[in-house]
């Protein structure tokens, strides 16, 4: 199946032959279906803390921060913003002014970048934004999202502020952004140019680090018949393995507790109250659970089998009431050994439409994770990935159909064997920006 030239390509990316063969097997055989018991709900797996419990969890988190633990905010930020501007690109191409374009042009002064478009209109304004300002090719994390008196902020800067407000341990705020190779220099410069301003404003010290998605996590593409897809020159085609590849980046971080949240789910300061409150609640739930687990592991009352079941990374996942948002959510899954686990599943993993219809909550990607055992030793997170939870999607290249392999998602199969707690959080904590006009919603103004 693989030629000597193929083997050389694989070696250059750090991909073993056995991994490549396993990927091709996945194209031919697919992935086993999950034994889904039911969607998680308030009565079945999802915690909804009372007001008194919320205050207790917040206090637990505040006490934890004062004990000098290492806390990190991990932000997947490698995505380009091009999908945000799909309608604007189409307008440049065909000149058709759809209702979406009318809304954009009518309200262009309300965007944080609106002053740059002040004397322009129609296609001229759109062309200036996408091409002259490079918004069509910049990463989403570096676009101006929100306006303030002292200057507009990007999502990257909003994450700095969030970190200062709920993740400052001994006056230090640690953030880690995963970025694409091409955008790494401008990301570094953007953060470096703004750190002093926010350190002074919030009286904290920021430690910001970056990583790129590793070439070894790229996956092969296949033809519809399951053979390797090849470029016109005969070389193998590799594609990014999806956000699940970031488990390798997360595994490199040295922190006791890690917050994970997508780059575009940020709001202006006047809207941050619920976000800050519920981040602390989720973290307090995690601290309490970790203390319970550590106490049990250090006692003599557990069997070795019970200890194995407890000695795993822990994650607390905020989940939001289902309001018709696309995507997956929290489910109860029966494992092969008969036990029930709590899993976040993507819609592509759920073959029964009725299960989706019964789902009461969805996944906003709002996680707080504990990455070390009772002895303070970090878990090897790759030991807890379920490799059988990837999925195959249909794509094309140069007009030719191909199959693409997505690795087990970061909060799906990559964390499948973690111990999981679901906590309901309000919809006000979920404000992603999928299209540029989402920035006109009141939550972003």
Protein backbone atom coordinates (compact mmCIF):
# COMPACT_ATOMS: atom_id res chain seq x y z
CA UNK A 1 0.00 0.00 0.00
CA UNK A 2 2.80 2.41 0.89
CA UNK A 3 5.77 3.05 -1.38
CA UNK A 4 9.32 3.83 -0.20
CA UNK A 5 8.58 7.49 -0.99
CA UNK A 6 5.44 7.28 1.22
CA UNK A 7 7.49 5.89 4.10
CA UNK A 8 9.85 8.81 3.78
CA UNK A 9 6.94 11.25 3.95
CA UNK A 10 5.59 9.53 7.04
CA UNK A 11 8.98 9.62 8.74
CA UNK A 12 9.36 13.33 8.03
CA UNK A 13 6.14 13.99 9.94
CA UNK A 14 6.94 11.62 12.77
CA UNK A 15 4.10 9.25 11.85
CA UNK A 16 4.82 5.56 12.34
CA UNK A 17 3.92 2.97 9.71
CA UNK A 18 1.61 1.21 12.20
CA UNK A 19 -0.27 4.49 12.80
CA UNK A 20 -0.65 5.05 9.07
CA UNK A 21 -1.91 1.50 8.57
CA UNK A 22 -4.38 1.91 11.44
CA UNK A 23 -5.73 5.06 9.78
CA UNK A 24 -6.26 3.28 6.50
CA UNK A 25 -8.00 0.45 8.36
CA UNK A 26 -10.35 3.05 9.89
CA UNK A 27 -11.30 4.30 6.40
CA UNK A 28 -12.16 0.77 5.28
CA UNK A 29 -13.84 -0.49 8.46
CA UNK A 30 -15.21 2.65 10.09
CA UNK A 31 -15.56 3.09 13.85
CA UNK A 32 -17.70 0.99 16.20
CA UNK A 33 -20.97 2.55 17.31
CA UNK A 34 -21.34 3.63 20.92
CA UNK A 35 -23.83 2.03 23.28
CA UNK A 36 -25.63 5.23 24.28
CA UNK A 37 -27.92 4.71 27.26
CA UNK A 38 -29.58 8.14 27.34
CA UNK A 39 -28.92 11.85 27.12
CA UNK A 40 -27.74 13.29 30.44
CA UNK A 41 -30.29 15.47 32.21
CA UNK A 42 -30.81 17.23 35.53
CA UNK A 43 -32.25 14.03 37.00
CA UNK A 44 -29.71 11.85 35.27
CA UNK A 45 -26.10 13.00 35.54
CA UNK A 46 -26.23 16.81 35.43
CA UNK A 47 -25.74 18.82 38.63
CA UNK A 48 -27.66 22.07 39.09
CA UNK A 49 -26.21 23.69 42.26
CA UNK A 50 -28.50 25.69 44.52
CA UNK A 51 -27.59 29.30 45.33
CA UNK A 52 -26.05 28.23 48.64
CA UNK A 53 -24.06 25.48 46.92
CA UNK A 54 -22.86 27.95 44.31
CA UNK A 55 -21.46 30.23 47.01
CA UNK A 56 -19.76 27.28 48.68
CA UNK A 57 -18.10 26.25 45.43
CA UNK A 58 -16.92 29.81 44.78
CA UNK A 59 -15.40 29.95 48.27
CA UNK A 60 -13.69 26.60 47.72
CA UNK A 61 -12.12 27.94 44.54
CA UNK A 62 -10.98 31.17 46.17
CA UNK A 63 -9.35 29.16 48.97
CA UNK A 64 -7.66 26.91 46.41
CA UNK A 65 -6.18 29.89 44.57
CA UNK A 66 -4.69 31.19 47.81
CA UNK A 67 -2.81 27.92 48.35
CA UNK A 68 -0.36 28.54 45.51
CA UNK A 69 -1.52 25.86 43.08
CA UNK A 70 -0.59 26.09 39.41
CA UNK A 71 -3.61 27.11 37.33
CA UNK A 72 -3.66 27.41 33.54
CA UNK A 73 -6.11 28.72 30.97
CA UNK A 74 -5.81 26.64 27.77
CA UNK A 75 -7.27 28.26 24.65
CA UNK A 76 -7.50 26.47 21.28
CA UNK A 77 -6.87 29.35 18.89
CA UNK A 78 -5.47 27.87 15.69
CA UNK A 79 -8.55 28.43 13.55
CA UNK A 80 -8.53 31.03 10.78
CA UNK A 81 -11.43 33.48 10.67
CA UNK A 82 -12.25 32.83 7.03
CA UNK A 83 -15.49 30.98 7.86
CA UNK A 84 -16.69 34.06 9.77
CA UNK A 85 -16.65 35.96 6.49
CA UNK A 86 -18.12 33.36 4.12
CA UNK A 87 -21.00 35.66 3.14
CA UNK A 88 -18.69 38.63 2.65
CA UNK A 89 -16.41 36.61 0.35
CA UNK A 90 -19.47 35.60 -1.69
CA UNK A 91 -20.56 39.27 -1.93
CA UNK A 92 -17.12 40.25 -3.25
CA UNK A 93 -17.44 37.52 -5.85
CA UNK A 94 -21.00 38.03 -7.11
CA UNK A 95 -22.06 41.48 -5.87
CA UNK A 96 -25.42 40.13 -4.65
CA UNK A 97 -26.56 42.11 -1.59
CA UNK A 98 -28.32 39.52 0.56
CA UNK A 99 -30.06 40.41 3.86
CA UNK A 100 -26.85 39.34 5.63
CA UNK A 101 -24.80 41.83 3.58
CA UNK A 102 -27.38 44.57 4.12
CA UNK A 103 -27.20 44.01 7.89
CA UNK A 104 -23.40 44.15 7.78
CA UNK A 105 -23.19 47.34 5.71
CA UNK A 106 -26.01 49.13 7.55
CA UNK A 107 -24.36 48.50 10.92
CA UNK A 108 -20.67 48.62 9.95
CA UNK A 109 -20.00 51.52 12.35
CA UNK A 110 -21.09 49.30 15.29
CA UNK A 111 -18.22 46.85 14.81
CA UNK A 112 -15.06 47.31 16.87
CA UNK A 113 -13.20 47.67 13.56
CA UNK A 114 -15.89 49.98 12.12
CA UNK A 115 -13.82 53.16 12.15
CA UNK A 116 -11.60 51.56 9.48
CA UNK A 117 -14.64 51.35 7.19
CA UNK A 118 -16.09 54.79 7.96
CA UNK A 119 -15.75 56.34 4.49
CA UNK A 120 -16.31 53.16 2.50
CA UNK A 121 -19.43 51.33 1.39
CA UNK A 122 -20.54 48.29 -0.57
CA UNK A 123 -17.93 46.01 -2.02
CA UNK A 124 -15.25 48.63 -1.38
CA UNK A 125 -15.82 48.37 2.38
CA UNK A 126 -15.84 44.57 2.30
CA UNK A 127 -12.71 44.43 0.15
CA UNK A 128 -10.88 46.77 2.54
CA UNK A 129 -11.83 44.59 5.53
CA UNK A 130 -10.97 41.21 3.99
CA UNK A 131 -7.93 42.14 1.95
CA UNK A 132 -6.34 45.42 3.12
CA UNK A 133 -6.96 44.68 6.82
CA UNK A 134 -6.32 40.95 6.22
CA UNK A 135 -9.42 39.90 8.19
CA UNK A 136 -10.07 37.21 5.60
CA UNK A 137 -6.81 35.45 6.50
CA UNK A 138 -6.09 36.39 10.12
CA UNK A 139 -6.81 33.97 12.99
CA UNK A 140 -10.08 34.63 14.77
CA UNK A 141 -8.21 35.37 18.00
CA UNK A 142 -6.61 38.50 16.52
CA UNK A 143 -9.71 40.24 15.13
CA UNK A 144 -11.14 43.26 16.92
CA UNK A 145 -14.28 42.01 18.67
CA UNK A 146 -15.25 44.55 21.34
CA UNK A 147 -15.00 48.34 21.72
CA UNK A 148 -13.75 50.09 24.87
CA UNK A 149 -12.82 53.67 25.68
CA UNK A 150 -9.15 52.73 25.95
CA UNK A 151 -9.13 50.79 22.67
CA UNK A 152 -10.77 47.76 21.06
CA UNK A 153 -9.98 44.22 22.20
CA UNK A 154 -9.41 40.98 20.36
CA UNK A 155 -10.61 37.61 21.73
CA UNK A 156 -7.02 36.88 22.76
CA UNK A 157 -7.02 39.97 24.99
CA UNK A 158 -10.46 39.12 26.40
CA UNK A 159 -9.02 35.77 27.49
CA UNK A 160 -6.22 37.61 29.31
CA UNK A 161 -8.85 39.58 31.20
CA UNK A 162 -10.87 36.46 32.01
CA UNK A 163 -7.75 34.80 33.34
CA UNK A 164 -7.05 37.76 35.61
CA UNK A 165 -10.60 37.61 36.97
CA UNK A 166 -10.87 33.91 37.87
CA UNK A 167 -7.52 32.14 37.43
CA UNK A 168 -4.94 34.30 39.20
CA UNK A 169 -2.91 32.11 41.59
CA UNK A 170 -0.54 34.09 43.85
CA UNK A 171 -0.91 37.03 41.49
CA UNK A 172 0.18 34.98 38.45
CA UNK A 173 -2.10 34.28 35.48
CA UNK A 174 -0.94 31.52 33.12
CA UNK A 175 -2.40 31.20 29.63
CA UNK A 176 -1.56 28.85 26.78
CA UNK A 177 -2.75 29.41 23.21
CA UNK A 178 -2.55 26.71 20.54
CA UNK A 179 -1.98 28.52 17.24
CA UNK A 180 -1.11 27.67 13.65
CA UNK A 181 2.51 27.82 12.55
CA UNK A 182 1.86 30.71 10.15
CA UNK A 183 0.17 32.85 12.80
CA UNK A 184 2.55 32.22 15.68
CA UNK A 185 4.75 35.35 15.14
CA UNK A 186 1.82 37.79 14.98
CA UNK A 187 0.14 36.12 17.96
CA UNK A 188 3.32 36.49 20.01
CA UNK A 189 3.69 40.15 19.03
CA UNK A 190 0.03 40.95 19.74
CA UNK A 191 0.22 39.53 23.25
CA UNK A 192 3.64 41.08 23.97
CA UNK A 193 2.44 44.52 22.84
CA UNK A 194 -0.51 44.44 25.26
CA UNK A 195 0.72 42.57 28.35
CA UNK A 196 1.99 45.61 30.28
CA UNK A 197 -1.34 47.41 29.87
CA UNK A 198 -3.38 44.55 31.31
CA UNK A 199 -0.85 43.70 34.02
CA UNK A 200 -1.13 47.26 35.26
CA UNK A 201 -4.93 47.33 35.02
CA UNK A 202 -5.52 44.02 36.84
CA UNK A 203 -2.41 44.04 39.09
CA UNK A 204 -1.31 40.57 38.01
CA UNK A 205 1.65 39.04 36.19
CA UNK A 206 0.87 37.12 33.00
CA UNK A 207 2.81 34.08 31.83
CA UNK A 208 1.70 33.37 28.26
CA UNK A 209 2.91 30.42 26.20
CA UNK A 210 2.10 29.05 22.76
CA UNK A 211 2.23 25.76 20.90
CA UNK A 212 1.44 24.52 17.41
CA UNK A 213 -0.47 21.44 16.35
CA UNK A 214 2.19 18.79 15.78
CA UNK A 215 2.73 17.38 12.25
CA UNK A 216 2.68 13.90 13.80
CA UNK A 217 -1.02 14.39 14.57
CA UNK A 218 -1.92 14.99 10.92
CA UNK A 219 -3.96 12.22 9.34
CA UNK A 220 -3.91 10.63 5.91
CA UNK A 221 -6.69 11.24 3.42
CA UNK A 222 -8.25 8.37 1.49
CA UNK A 223 -10.07 7.81 -1.77
CA UNK A 224 -13.70 6.64 -1.50
CA UNK A 225 -12.46 3.05 -2.03
CA UNK A 226 -10.23 3.26 1.06
CA UNK A 227 -6.89 3.57 -0.74
CA UNK A 228 -4.51 6.45 0.08
CA UNK A 229 -5.46 9.73 -1.61
CA UNK A 230 -2.57 11.16 -3.57
CA UNK A 231 -1.70 14.66 -4.78
CA UNK A 232 -1.08 15.27 -8.46
CA UNK A 233 2.64 14.57 -7.95
CA UNK A 234 1.86 11.18 -6.42
CA UNK A 235 2.62 12.20 -2.82
CA UNK A 236 0.34 11.36 0.09
CA UNK A 237 -2.15 14.00 1.21
CA UNK A 238 -2.08 14.82 4.93
CA UNK A 239 -4.76 16.85 6.73
CA UNK A 240 -4.94 18.32 10.25
CA UNK A 241 -6.44 15.70 12.55
CA UNK A 242 -9.04 18.05 14.07
CA UNK A 243 -9.12 19.59 17.54
CA UNK A 244 -8.60 16.15 19.08
CA UNK A 245 -4.93 16.48 18.12
CA UNK A 246 -4.63 19.12 20.84
CA UNK A 247 -4.62 16.45 23.56
CA UNK A 248 -0.89 16.20 22.75
CA UNK A 249 -0.48 19.95 23.37
CA UNK A 250 -2.48 19.76 26.60
CA UNK A 251 -0.34 16.83 27.72
CA UNK A 252 2.75 19.07 27.60
CA UNK A 253 1.35 21.57 30.10
CA UNK A 254 2.46 21.55 33.73
CA UNK A 255 -0.52 22.67 35.81
CA UNK A 256 -2.67 21.34 38.61
CA UNK A 257 -5.91 22.65 37.13
CA UNK A 258 -6.64 23.78 33.57
CA UNK A 259 -9.57 25.79 32.20
CA UNK A 260 -10.43 25.04 28.55
CA UNK A 261 -12.59 27.33 26.45
CA UNK A 262 -12.72 28.19 22.74
CA UNK A 263 -11.14 31.40 21.49
CA UNK A 264 -14.36 33.02 20.20
CA UNK A 265 -16.58 32.49 23.26
CA UNK A 266 -15.85 35.84 24.92
CA UNK A 267 -17.91 38.90 25.84
CA UNK A 268 -17.18 42.54 26.79
CA UNK A 269 -16.49 43.39 30.44
CA UNK A 270 -20.06 44.55 31.11
CA UNK A 271 -21.31 41.06 30.14
CA UNK A 272 -18.67 39.04 32.01
CA UNK A 273 -20.40 38.67 35.39
CA UNK A 274 -22.02 35.28 34.73
CA UNK A 275 -18.93 33.96 32.94
CA UNK A 276 -16.67 34.74 35.91
CA UNK A 277 -19.16 33.44 38.46
CA UNK A 278 -19.76 30.10 36.78
CA UNK A 279 -16.10 29.51 35.98
CA UNK A 280 -15.47 29.70 39.72
CA UNK A 281 -18.42 27.40 40.44
CA UNK A 282 -17.14 24.77 37.99
CA UNK A 283 -13.67 25.02 39.49
CA UNK A 284 -15.08 24.68 43.02
CA UNK A 285 -16.93 21.52 42.01
CA UNK A 286 -13.65 20.16 40.66
CA UNK A 287 -11.68 21.03 43.80
CA UNK A 288 -14.26 19.28 46.00
CA UNK A 289 -14.31 16.17 43.80
CA UNK A 290 -10.52 16.01 43.62
CA UNK A 291 -10.24 16.23 47.42
CA UNK A 292 -12.76 13.39 47.76
CA UNK A 293 -10.86 11.24 45.25
CA UNK A 294 -7.46 11.91 46.81
CA UNK A 295 -8.77 11.07 50.28
CA UNK A 296 -10.22 7.80 49.01
CA UNK A 297 -7.03 6.86 47.15
CA UNK A 298 -4.88 7.44 50.23
CA UNK A 299 -7.12 5.29 52.42
CA UNK A 300 -6.84 1.52 52.81
CA UNK A 301 -10.49 0.86 52.07
CA UNK A 302 -10.38 0.54 48.26
CA UNK A 303 -9.59 -2.46 46.13
CA UNK A 304 -6.98 -2.12 43.40
CA UNK A 305 -9.74 -2.16 40.80
CA UNK A 306 -11.49 0.75 42.53
CA UNK A 307 -8.24 2.69 42.69
CA UNK A 308 -7.69 2.24 38.96
CA UNK A 309 -11.20 3.57 38.33
CA UNK A 310 -10.49 6.67 40.44
CA UNK A 311 -6.92 7.31 39.37
CA UNK A 312 -7.78 9.24 36.22
CA UNK A 313 -7.84 12.88 35.12
CA UNK A 314 -11.01 14.64 36.25
CA UNK A 315 -13.03 17.13 34.26
CA UNK A 316 -16.02 19.24 35.17
CA UNK A 317 -17.98 20.21 32.08
CA UNK A 318 -20.37 23.13 31.99
CA UNK A 319 -23.44 22.26 29.90
CA UNK A 320 -26.17 24.60 28.69
CA UNK A 321 -29.90 24.04 28.25
CA UNK A 322 -30.65 23.04 24.69
CA UNK A 323 -31.92 25.99 22.68
CA UNK A 324 -31.49 24.49 19.24
CA UNK A 325 -27.76 25.12 18.94
CA UNK A 326 -26.01 22.67 16.60
CA UNK A 327 -23.53 20.16 17.91
CA UNK A 328 -23.38 17.45 20.53
CA UNK A 329 -23.89 17.32 24.23
CA UNK A 330 -23.71 15.24 27.42
CA UNK A 331 -24.72 11.57 27.26
CA UNK A 332 -24.56 8.41 29.37
CA UNK A 333 -22.68 5.61 27.59
CA UNK A 334 -22.39 1.95 28.53
CA UNK A 335 -18.79 0.76 28.25
CA UNK A 336 -17.74 -2.75 27.19
CA UNK A 337 -17.27 -3.77 30.83
CA UNK A 338 -20.87 -2.81 31.62
CA UNK A 339 -20.09 0.39 33.53
CA UNK A 340 -21.77 3.69 32.69
CA UNK A 341 -19.58 6.66 31.80
CA UNK A 342 -20.43 10.31 31.23
CA UNK A 343 -19.38 11.48 27.76
CA UNK A 344 -19.61 14.58 25.62
CA UNK A 345 -20.60 13.34 22.17
CA UNK A 346 -20.63 15.08 18.81
CA UNK A 347 -23.72 14.72 16.64
CA UNK A 348 -21.65 12.61 14.22
CA UNK A 349 -21.27 9.99 16.98
CA UNK A 350 -25.03 9.69 17.52
CA UNK A 351 -26.75 7.55 14.90
CA UNK A 352 -30.20 7.56 16.54
CA UNK A 353 -32.01 10.87 15.79
CA UNK A 354 -34.43 10.26 18.67
CA UNK A 355 -31.56 10.48 21.16
CA UNK A 356 -30.64 13.90 19.81
CA UNK A 357 -34.29 14.92 20.04
CA UNK A 358 -34.41 13.89 23.73
CA UNK A 359 -31.23 15.79 24.59
CA UNK A 360 -31.90 18.57 27.10
CA UNK A 361 -28.41 20.14 27.14
CA UNK A 362 -25.56 20.85 24.74
CA UNK A 363 -21.82 21.25 25.03
CA UNK A 364 -20.52 24.86 24.98
CA UNK A 365 -16.88 23.74 25.50
CA UNK A 366 -16.58 24.99 29.06
CA UNK A 367 -14.24 22.66 30.94
CA UNK A 368 -12.16 22.69 34.11
CA UNK A 369 -9.68 19.83 34.34
CA UNK A 370 -7.46 18.25 37.02
CA UNK A 371 -4.37 16.72 35.44
CA UNK A 372 -2.41 15.27 38.38
CA UNK A 373 -2.79 12.30 40.73
CA UNK A 374 -2.85 12.24 44.53
CA UNK A 375 0.97 12.31 44.62
CA UNK A 376 1.14 15.40 42.44
CA UNK A 377 2.36 13.44 39.42
CA UNK A 378 0.92 14.40 36.02
CA UNK A 379 -1.15 11.84 34.19
CA UNK A 380 -0.10 10.88 30.68
CA UNK A 381 -3.27 12.11 29.02
CA UNK A 382 -2.71 10.00 25.94
CA UNK A 383 -3.35 6.90 28.09
CA UNK A 384 -6.98 8.01 28.48
CA UNK A 385 -7.86 8.54 24.80
CA UNK A 386 -10.33 6.16 23.16
CA UNK A 387 -8.92 5.73 19.63
CA UNK A 388 -12.19 4.14 18.50
CA UNK A 389 -14.13 7.40 18.76
CA UNK A 390 -12.83 9.26 15.71
CA UNK A 391 -15.03 9.85 12.69
CA UNK A 392 -14.76 10.09 8.92
CA UNK A 393 -16.00 13.08 6.91
CA UNK A 394 -16.39 13.68 3.17
CA UNK A 395 -14.24 16.43 1.63
CA UNK A 396 -12.78 17.24 -1.76
CA UNK A 397 -9.52 18.50 -3.23
CA UNK A 398 -9.03 19.82 -6.76
CA UNK A 399 -12.47 18.53 -7.64
CA UNK A 400 -11.75 15.00 -6.41
CA UNK A 401 -13.80 13.46 -3.58
CA UNK A 402 -11.85 12.27 -0.56
CA UNK A 403 -12.38 10.86 2.91
CA UNK A 404 -10.91 12.76 5.86
CA UNK A 405 -10.15 11.24 9.25
CA UNK A 406 -10.90 13.28 12.37
CA UNK A 407 -9.06 12.17 15.51
CA UNK A 408 -11.07 11.62 18.72
CA UNK A 409 -12.16 15.14 19.69
CA UNK A 410 -10.41 17.00 22.50
CA UNK A 411 -13.50 16.98 24.73
CA UNK A 412 -14.97 13.81 23.16
CA UNK A 413 -12.90 10.70 22.56
CA UNK A 414 -9.61 12.28 23.65
CA UNK A 415 -11.09 12.59 27.16
CA UNK A 416 -13.30 9.52 26.91
CA UNK A 417 -11.63 7.70 29.82
CA UNK A 418 -11.53 10.67 32.18
CA UNK A 419 -13.83 10.89 35.20
CA UNK A 420 -16.49 13.44 34.31
CA UNK A 421 -18.99 15.66 36.11
CA UNK A 422 -21.65 17.69 34.26
CA UNK A 423 -22.84 21.02 35.73
CA UNK A 424 -25.57 23.20 34.25
CA UNK A 425 -24.42 26.72 33.38
CA UNK A 426 -26.61 29.54 31.99
CA UNK A 427 -26.87 30.34 28.28
CA UNK A 428 -25.40 33.77 29.08
CA UNK A 429 -21.98 32.07 29.38
CA UNK A 430 -22.12 30.87 25.76
CA UNK A 431 -21.63 33.61 23.16
CA UNK A 432 -19.58 32.23 20.26
CA UNK A 433 -18.93 34.23 17.11
CA UNK A 434 -19.52 32.03 14.07
CA UNK A 435 -20.27 34.81 11.55
CA UNK A 436 -19.15 38.44 11.54
CA UNK A 437 -22.73 39.60 12.14
CA UNK A 438 -22.80 37.72 15.45
CA UNK A 439 -20.71 40.65 16.71
CA UNK A 440 -23.82 42.84 16.30
CA UNK A 441 -25.70 40.84 18.95
CA UNK A 442 -26.28 42.71 22.20
CA UNK A 443 -23.95 40.29 24.03
CA UNK A 444 -21.02 41.65 22.00
CA UNK A 445 -21.92 45.34 21.95
